């Protein structure tokens, strides 16, 4: 079964072979490294750019407007904050030209904490991304969705931001997350597409015949069905929510976990349907709690579903601090942990209307 890194690599290979990807580029994206997380190893269209985030995004915009289909990468989302003006330019291209100009580019960037990256490699970017109109924003929580969302992003005629949770990149798929056509044996897949250590000058990948699988952008999935309380989340916090749900199940609390998968557009029907069913909801993510994307969802829930609720909706998000500390205790204090989710779910379930 593929890891998320391998799933991304497989999707990029399909993109360049069948979906018209012309360039995969960014800092250390090409050989010999193939991406800081090895997600672009062996790709024939991958090349190294200078260490210049503005140059990377500007080049991607130019290629897209010239009829190419680029996939650009910002090595860590922490360094995407200095390209907001260019992101606004790309996002507004179709609108400002009254539909005459499309900008078919994908911008990939790893996000979030969980790898002990400290203050320069642990930021989240989801709230910032959703403030930039004209972009579709996706964030997978497992290898199968990583594969299917990236293929959908590649095929989209306008810009898509692909946020990959760093802490999940080495996570393996479960049996239900099998990419069609990949080897069942994870060791066989590794031998086929993972570059060896040392000299890679003569290495070439042996790509498995994986099939097209598109995960629609804007469609959530129910990761765990439940009846007592809802968790609306995405990315790295999906497995955290699942662990918490298993723990509170021992108390008789049946938790539904909804994985948004897409933040723009987001699946309001899925949110609304789950909240109406359980009448209690927690919005969970690791971005900082002030001007958080979950705040928008909470506000809309109160405005549209107020009389459906039996408990005040909750937001559990990252601390509003300048960065995530290197020490384990500091990192754990900066972003939501399983025990905090457990406590919040219990409070929601016990609240009497």
Protein backbone atom coordinates (compact mmCIF):
# COMPACT_ATOMS: atom_id res chain seq x y z
CA UNK A 1 0.00 0.00 0.00
CA UNK A 2 1.29 3.44 -0.93
CA UNK A 3 2.29 6.11 1.54
CA UNK A 4 0.97 9.61 0.90
CA UNK A 5 4.34 10.59 -0.60
CA UNK A 6 4.18 7.65 -3.01
CA UNK A 7 0.55 8.45 -3.85
CA UNK A 8 1.51 12.03 -4.74
CA UNK A 9 4.37 10.75 -6.90
CA UNK A 10 2.07 8.28 -8.69
CA UNK A 11 -0.48 11.03 -9.36
CA UNK A 12 2.20 13.33 -10.78
CA UNK A 13 3.39 10.50 -13.03
CA UNK A 14 -0.16 9.95 -14.30
CA UNK A 15 -0.44 13.70 -14.74
CA UNK A 16 2.60 13.94 -16.99
CA UNK A 17 1.77 10.75 -18.92
CA UNK A 18 -1.98 11.17 -19.45
CA UNK A 19 -3.24 14.55 -18.20
CA UNK A 20 -0.90 16.97 -19.92
CA UNK A 21 1.41 18.06 -17.08
CA UNK A 22 4.30 19.84 -18.74
CA UNK A 23 6.46 20.96 -15.80
CA UNK A 24 6.90 19.87 -12.18
CA UNK A 25 9.29 22.26 -10.52
CA UNK A 26 10.46 24.03 -7.39
CA UNK A 27 13.39 24.07 -5.02
CA UNK A 28 15.04 20.58 -4.98
CA UNK A 29 12.09 19.14 -6.92
CA UNK A 30 14.20 17.70 -9.72
CA UNK A 31 17.07 15.20 -9.52
CA UNK A 32 18.94 14.11 -7.54
CA UNK A 33 16.75 14.81 -4.48
CA UNK A 34 13.30 14.62 -6.02
CA UNK A 35 11.65 16.84 -3.43
CA UNK A 36 12.49 17.37 0.21
CA UNK A 37 10.04 14.55 1.04
CA UNK A 38 10.98 12.58 -2.16
CA UNK A 39 7.53 13.16 -3.66
CA UNK A 40 8.88 14.01 -7.13
CA UNK A 41 11.52 11.31 -7.58
CA UNK A 42 11.74 9.82 -11.04
CA UNK A 43 9.38 12.23 -12.79
CA UNK A 44 10.46 13.07 -16.32
CA UNK A 45 9.17 16.66 -16.23
CA UNK A 46 10.66 17.56 -12.82
CA UNK A 47 13.29 20.27 -12.63
CA UNK A 48 15.01 22.39 -10.01
CA UNK A 49 14.25 26.08 -9.68
CA UNK A 50 16.27 28.69 -7.80
CA UNK A 51 15.39 29.23 -4.15
CA UNK A 52 12.88 31.96 -5.01
CA UNK A 53 9.22 31.46 -4.12
CA UNK A 54 8.13 34.51 -6.09
CA UNK A 55 10.01 33.26 -9.13
CA UNK A 56 8.43 29.82 -8.79
CA UNK A 57 4.86 31.12 -8.65
CA UNK A 58 5.47 33.78 -11.31
CA UNK A 59 6.91 31.15 -13.66
CA UNK A 60 3.93 28.86 -13.04
CA UNK A 61 1.51 31.66 -13.87
CA UNK A 62 3.39 32.44 -17.07
CA UNK A 63 3.50 28.80 -18.15
CA UNK A 64 -0.22 28.36 -17.43
CA UNK A 65 -1.16 31.47 -19.42
CA UNK A 66 1.00 30.20 -22.28
CA UNK A 67 -1.05 27.01 -22.51
CA UNK A 68 1.10 24.71 -20.39
CA UNK A 69 -0.08 22.76 -17.35
CA UNK A 70 2.53 23.24 -14.58
CA UNK A 71 2.71 21.83 -11.07
CA UNK A 72 4.85 24.10 -8.91
CA UNK A 73 5.97 23.49 -5.36
CA UNK A 74 6.79 25.77 -2.46
CA UNK A 75 9.09 23.57 -0.37
CA UNK A 76 7.34 24.53 2.91
CA UNK A 77 4.20 26.63 3.25
CA UNK A 78 6.01 28.83 5.78
CA UNK A 79 7.65 30.51 2.78
CA UNK A 80 4.40 31.10 0.89
CA UNK A 81 3.46 34.17 2.92
CA UNK A 82 5.67 36.37 0.74
CA UNK A 83 3.80 35.48 -2.48
CA UNK A 84 0.27 36.50 -1.50
CA UNK A 85 0.08 39.18 -4.20
CA UNK A 86 0.99 36.67 -6.90
CA UNK A 87 -1.51 34.17 -5.54
CA UNK A 88 -4.20 36.85 -5.75
CA UNK A 89 -3.16 37.55 -9.34
CA UNK A 90 -3.46 33.89 -10.33
CA UNK A 91 -6.75 33.45 -8.48
CA UNK A 92 -8.29 36.49 -10.14
CA UNK A 93 -7.17 35.71 -13.67
CA UNK A 94 -10.34 34.04 -14.95
CA UNK A 95 -12.68 36.46 -13.16
CA UNK A 96 -10.86 39.64 -14.17
CA UNK A 97 -10.73 38.55 -17.82
CA UNK A 98 -14.46 37.73 -17.86
CA UNK A 99 -13.61 34.08 -18.47
CA UNK A 100 -11.29 34.70 -21.43
CA UNK A 101 -8.14 33.52 -19.63
CA UNK A 102 -7.71 30.38 -17.55
CA UNK A 103 -4.74 29.68 -15.33
CA UNK A 104 -4.39 25.87 -15.11
CA UNK A 105 -1.70 25.54 -12.47
CA UNK A 106 -1.31 23.48 -9.31
CA UNK A 107 0.64 24.86 -6.37
CA UNK A 108 1.74 22.14 -3.96
CA UNK A 109 3.11 22.88 -0.50
CA UNK A 110 3.57 20.81 2.68
CA UNK A 111 1.71 22.25 5.67
CA UNK A 112 1.36 21.93 9.41
CA UNK A 113 3.33 20.58 12.33
CA UNK A 114 4.22 17.09 13.47
CA UNK A 115 7.79 16.73 12.15
CA UNK A 116 9.56 18.86 14.78
CA UNK A 117 10.10 21.56 12.21
CA UNK A 118 10.13 24.44 14.68
CA UNK A 119 9.11 27.99 13.77
CA UNK A 120 10.15 27.98 10.09
CA UNK A 121 8.76 24.59 9.04
CA UNK A 122 5.56 24.09 11.05
CA UNK A 123 3.08 26.74 9.96
CA UNK A 124 -0.37 25.98 8.64
CA UNK A 125 -1.64 27.78 5.56
CA UNK A 126 -5.27 26.70 5.26
CA UNK A 127 -6.89 29.83 6.71
CA UNK A 128 -4.64 32.10 4.65
CA UNK A 129 -5.33 30.07 1.51
CA UNK A 130 -9.09 30.30 1.87
CA UNK A 131 -8.86 34.10 1.99
CA UNK A 132 -7.51 34.20 -1.58
CA UNK A 133 -10.50 34.16 -3.92
CA UNK A 134 -10.32 32.24 -7.17
CA UNK A 135 -8.29 29.31 -5.87
CA UNK A 136 -9.59 25.85 -5.15
CA UNK A 137 -8.01 24.52 -1.94
CA UNK A 138 -7.64 20.81 -1.17
CA UNK A 139 -5.99 18.92 1.70
CA UNK A 140 -5.93 15.10 1.80
CA UNK A 141 -5.80 12.99 4.96
CA UNK A 142 -4.87 9.63 3.42
CA UNK A 143 -2.97 8.28 0.37
CA UNK A 144 -6.01 7.45 -1.75
CA UNK A 145 -7.43 10.97 -1.42
CA UNK A 146 -3.94 12.38 -1.96
CA UNK A 147 -3.87 10.57 -5.30
CA UNK A 148 -7.42 11.38 -6.40
CA UNK A 149 -7.41 15.02 -5.30
CA UNK A 150 -4.13 15.71 -7.08
CA UNK A 151 -5.44 14.26 -10.34
CA UNK A 152 -8.55 16.45 -10.03
CA UNK A 153 -6.33 19.45 -9.31
CA UNK A 154 -4.20 18.78 -12.39
CA UNK A 155 -7.27 18.60 -14.63
CA UNK A 156 -8.86 21.77 -13.27
CA UNK A 157 -8.74 24.70 -15.72
CA UNK A 158 -7.92 27.19 -12.98
CA UNK A 159 -5.48 27.34 -10.04
CA UNK A 160 -5.64 24.73 -7.31
CA UNK A 161 -3.64 24.82 -4.09
CA UNK A 162 -2.68 21.36 -2.87
CA UNK A 163 -1.86 21.39 0.84
CA UNK A 164 -0.10 18.21 1.95
CA UNK A 165 0.05 17.58 5.74
CA UNK A 166 3.72 16.97 6.56
CA UNK A 167 2.97 14.65 9.47
CA UNK A 168 0.96 12.29 7.23
CA UNK A 169 3.32 12.09 4.27
CA UNK A 170 4.91 8.82 5.48
CA UNK A 171 1.60 7.40 6.64
CA UNK A 172 0.54 4.18 4.91
CA UNK A 173 -2.79 3.46 3.30
CA UNK A 174 -5.28 1.05 4.79
CA UNK A 175 -6.85 -1.77 2.79
CA UNK A 176 -9.80 0.48 1.89
CA UNK A 177 -7.44 3.17 0.57
CA UNK A 178 -5.81 1.06 -2.13
CA UNK A 179 -4.92 2.97 -5.31
CA UNK A 180 -6.28 0.99 -8.27
CA UNK A 181 -3.40 -0.73 -10.04
CA UNK A 182 -0.75 -0.34 -7.34
CA UNK A 183 1.05 -3.48 -6.07
CA UNK A 184 -0.47 -5.06 -2.97
CA UNK A 185 3.01 -5.54 -1.52
CA UNK A 186 4.36 -2.23 -0.21
CA UNK A 187 7.93 -3.50 -0.59
CA UNK A 188 7.32 -4.21 -4.27
CA UNK A 189 6.04 -0.68 -4.78
CA UNK A 190 9.04 0.76 -2.98
CA UNK A 191 11.44 -1.18 -5.21
CA UNK A 192 9.61 0.15 -8.25
CA UNK A 193 9.38 3.87 -7.53
CA UNK A 194 11.60 4.77 -4.54
CA UNK A 195 15.09 5.89 -5.54
CA UNK A 196 17.96 4.05 -3.83
CA UNK A 197 20.33 5.71 -1.42
CA UNK A 198 23.64 6.88 -2.83
CA UNK A 199 24.27 7.26 -6.55
CA UNK A 200 20.98 7.66 -8.44
CA UNK A 201 22.41 8.66 -11.82
CA UNK A 202 21.43 5.38 -13.49
CA UNK A 203 18.25 4.71 -11.55
CA UNK A 204 14.94 4.79 -13.39
CA UNK A 205 11.53 4.08 -11.81
CA UNK A 206 9.31 1.22 -12.96
CA UNK A 207 5.88 2.80 -12.81
CA UNK A 208 2.93 0.51 -11.97
CA UNK A 209 -0.11 0.74 -14.21
CA UNK A 210 -2.26 2.74 -11.80
CA UNK A 211 -5.73 3.73 -12.95
CA UNK A 212 -7.38 7.12 -13.13
CA UNK A 213 -9.27 7.96 -9.96
CA UNK A 214 -10.67 11.45 -9.50
CA UNK A 215 -11.80 12.67 -6.08
CA UNK A 216 -14.19 15.55 -6.83
CA UNK A 217 -13.03 18.88 -5.45
CA UNK A 218 -15.67 20.18 -3.06
CA UNK A 219 -16.95 16.80 -1.89
CA UNK A 220 -16.43 15.74 1.73
CA UNK A 221 -16.40 12.17 3.01
CA UNK A 222 -17.71 10.68 6.23
CA UNK A 223 -14.62 9.08 7.75
CA UNK A 224 -16.63 7.68 10.65
CA UNK A 225 -20.41 7.55 10.97
CA UNK A 226 -21.94 8.51 14.30
CA UNK A 227 -25.09 9.81 15.94
CA UNK A 228 -24.18 11.82 19.07
CA UNK A 229 -21.66 14.49 18.05
CA UNK A 230 -19.96 15.66 14.82
CA UNK A 231 -16.33 16.57 14.19
CA UNK A 232 -15.71 18.65 11.06
CA UNK A 233 -12.03 18.48 10.17
CA UNK A 234 -9.44 17.82 7.45
CA UNK A 235 -5.80 16.92 6.86
CA UNK A 236 -3.67 15.90 9.82
CA UNK A 237 -6.52 16.31 12.29
CA UNK A 238 -8.61 13.54 10.68
CA UNK A 239 -6.62 10.69 12.30
CA UNK A 240 -6.53 12.70 15.54
CA UNK A 241 -10.34 12.95 15.46
CA UNK A 242 -10.62 9.24 14.68
CA UNK A 243 -8.45 8.32 17.68
CA UNK A 244 -10.51 10.58 19.94
CA UNK A 245 -13.75 9.09 18.59
CA UNK A 246 -12.56 5.59 19.48
CA UNK A 247 -11.74 6.70 23.01
CA UNK A 248 -15.07 8.40 23.73
CA UNK A 249 -16.92 5.44 22.23
CA UNK A 250 -16.03 3.64 25.48
CA UNK A 251 -18.19 6.24 27.24
CA UNK A 252 -21.07 5.53 24.88
CA UNK A 253 -20.48 8.66 22.78
CA UNK A 254 -20.98 7.90 19.09
CA UNK A 255 -18.92 10.41 17.07
CA UNK A 256 -19.27 11.22 13.39
CA UNK A 257 -16.07 12.45 11.72
CA UNK A 258 -16.45 14.42 8.49
CA UNK A 259 -13.30 14.91 6.42
CA UNK A 260 -13.85 18.02 4.31
CA UNK A 261 -10.97 17.18 1.89
CA UNK A 262 -11.67 20.47 0.11
CA UNK A 263 -11.72 23.89 1.78
CA UNK A 264 -12.66 25.91 -1.27
CA UNK A 265 -15.22 25.06 -2.36
CA UNK A 266 -16.30 23.20 0.76
CA UNK A 267 -19.15 20.73 1.10
CA UNK A 268 -21.71 22.66 3.13
CA UNK A 269 -24.36 20.02 2.46
CA UNK A 270 -22.19 17.42 4.20
CA UNK A 271 -21.61 19.75 7.17
CA UNK A 272 -25.28 20.64 7.41
CA UNK A 273 -26.44 17.04 7.11
CA UNK A 274 -24.16 15.81 9.87
CA UNK A 275 -24.97 18.70 12.23
CA UNK A 276 -28.68 18.14 11.75
CA UNK A 277 -28.18 14.47 12.60
CA UNK A 278 -26.07 14.84 15.76
CA UNK A 279 -27.03 18.41 16.81
CA UNK A 280 -23.59 18.89 18.40
CA UNK A 281 -20.48 19.88 16.48
CA UNK A 282 -16.76 20.45 16.93
CA UNK A 283 -14.69 22.20 14.25
CA UNK A 284 -11.12 20.93 14.46
CA UNK A 285 -7.92 22.04 12.71
CA UNK A 286 -4.35 23.01 13.59
CA UNK A 287 -4.17 26.53 12.16
CA UNK A 288 -4.10 29.37 14.68
CA UNK A 289 -7.46 29.98 16.34
CA UNK A 290 -7.81 33.69 15.47
CA UNK A 291 -9.34 34.27 11.99
CA UNK A 292 -9.45 30.51 11.58
CA UNK A 293 -11.28 28.75 8.73
CA UNK A 294 -13.22 26.83 11.37
CA UNK A 295 -14.54 30.16 12.68
CA UNK A 296 -16.21 30.73 9.33
CA UNK A 297 -17.84 27.31 9.45
CA UNK A 298 -18.93 27.88 13.05
CA UNK A 299 -20.44 31.25 12.19
CA UNK A 300 -22.37 29.80 9.28
CA UNK A 301 -23.57 26.92 11.44
CA UNK A 302 -24.93 29.33 14.05
CA UNK A 303 -26.58 31.53 11.43
CA UNK A 304 -28.24 28.74 9.46
CA UNK A 305 -28.62 25.85 11.93
CA UNK A 306 -29.11 27.60 15.28
CA UNK A 307 -32.40 25.88 16.07
CA UNK A 308 -30.98 22.48 15.16
CA UNK A 309 -28.27 22.71 17.83
CA UNK A 310 -28.49 21.16 21.30
CA UNK A 311 -25.09 22.47 22.44
CA UNK A 312 -22.98 25.52 21.57
CA UNK A 313 -20.67 24.60 18.67
CA UNK A 314 -16.99 24.41 19.52
CA UNK A 315 -13.75 25.30 17.75
CA UNK A 316 -10.52 23.53 18.68
CA UNK A 317 -7.53 24.93 16.79
CA UNK A 318 -3.89 25.88 17.16
CA UNK A 319 -2.69 28.41 19.70
CA UNK A 320 -2.39 31.99 18.46
CA UNK A 321 1.39 32.10 18.79
CA UNK A 322 4.06 33.24 16.29
CA UNK A 323 5.26 29.72 15.61
CA UNK A 324 5.44 26.11 16.71
CA UNK A 325 8.30 25.35 19.09
CA UNK A 326 10.96 22.72 18.43
CA UNK A 327 10.66 20.96 21.78
CA UNK A 328 8.03 18.23 21.93
CA UNK A 329 6.20 19.90 24.80
CA UNK A 330 6.04 23.21 22.90
CA UNK A 331 4.78 21.60 19.71
CA UNK A 332 2.12 19.63 21.58
CA UNK A 333 1.01 22.82 23.34
CA UNK A 334 0.71 24.65 20.03
CA UNK A 335 -1.70 22.37 18.13
CA UNK A 336 -4.67 20.22 19.20
CA UNK A 337 -3.92 16.81 20.71
CA UNK A 338 -6.08 13.71 21.08
CA UNK A 339 -6.73 14.29 24.78
CA UNK A 340 -8.05 17.80 24.08
CA UNK A 341 -10.40 16.46 21.43
CA UNK A 342 -11.60 13.76 23.83
CA UNK A 343 -12.35 16.35 26.52
CA UNK A 344 -14.21 18.60 24.09
CA UNK A 345 -16.29 15.72 22.70
CA UNK A 346 -17.28 14.68 26.20
CA UNK A 347 -18.30 18.24 27.08
CA UNK A 348 -20.39 18.53 23.94
CA UNK A 349 -22.08 15.17 24.47
CA UNK A 350 -22.94 15.94 28.11
CA UNK A 351 -24.26 19.44 27.53
CA UNK A 352 -27.96 19.70 28.33
CA UNK A 353 -30.00 22.03 26.10
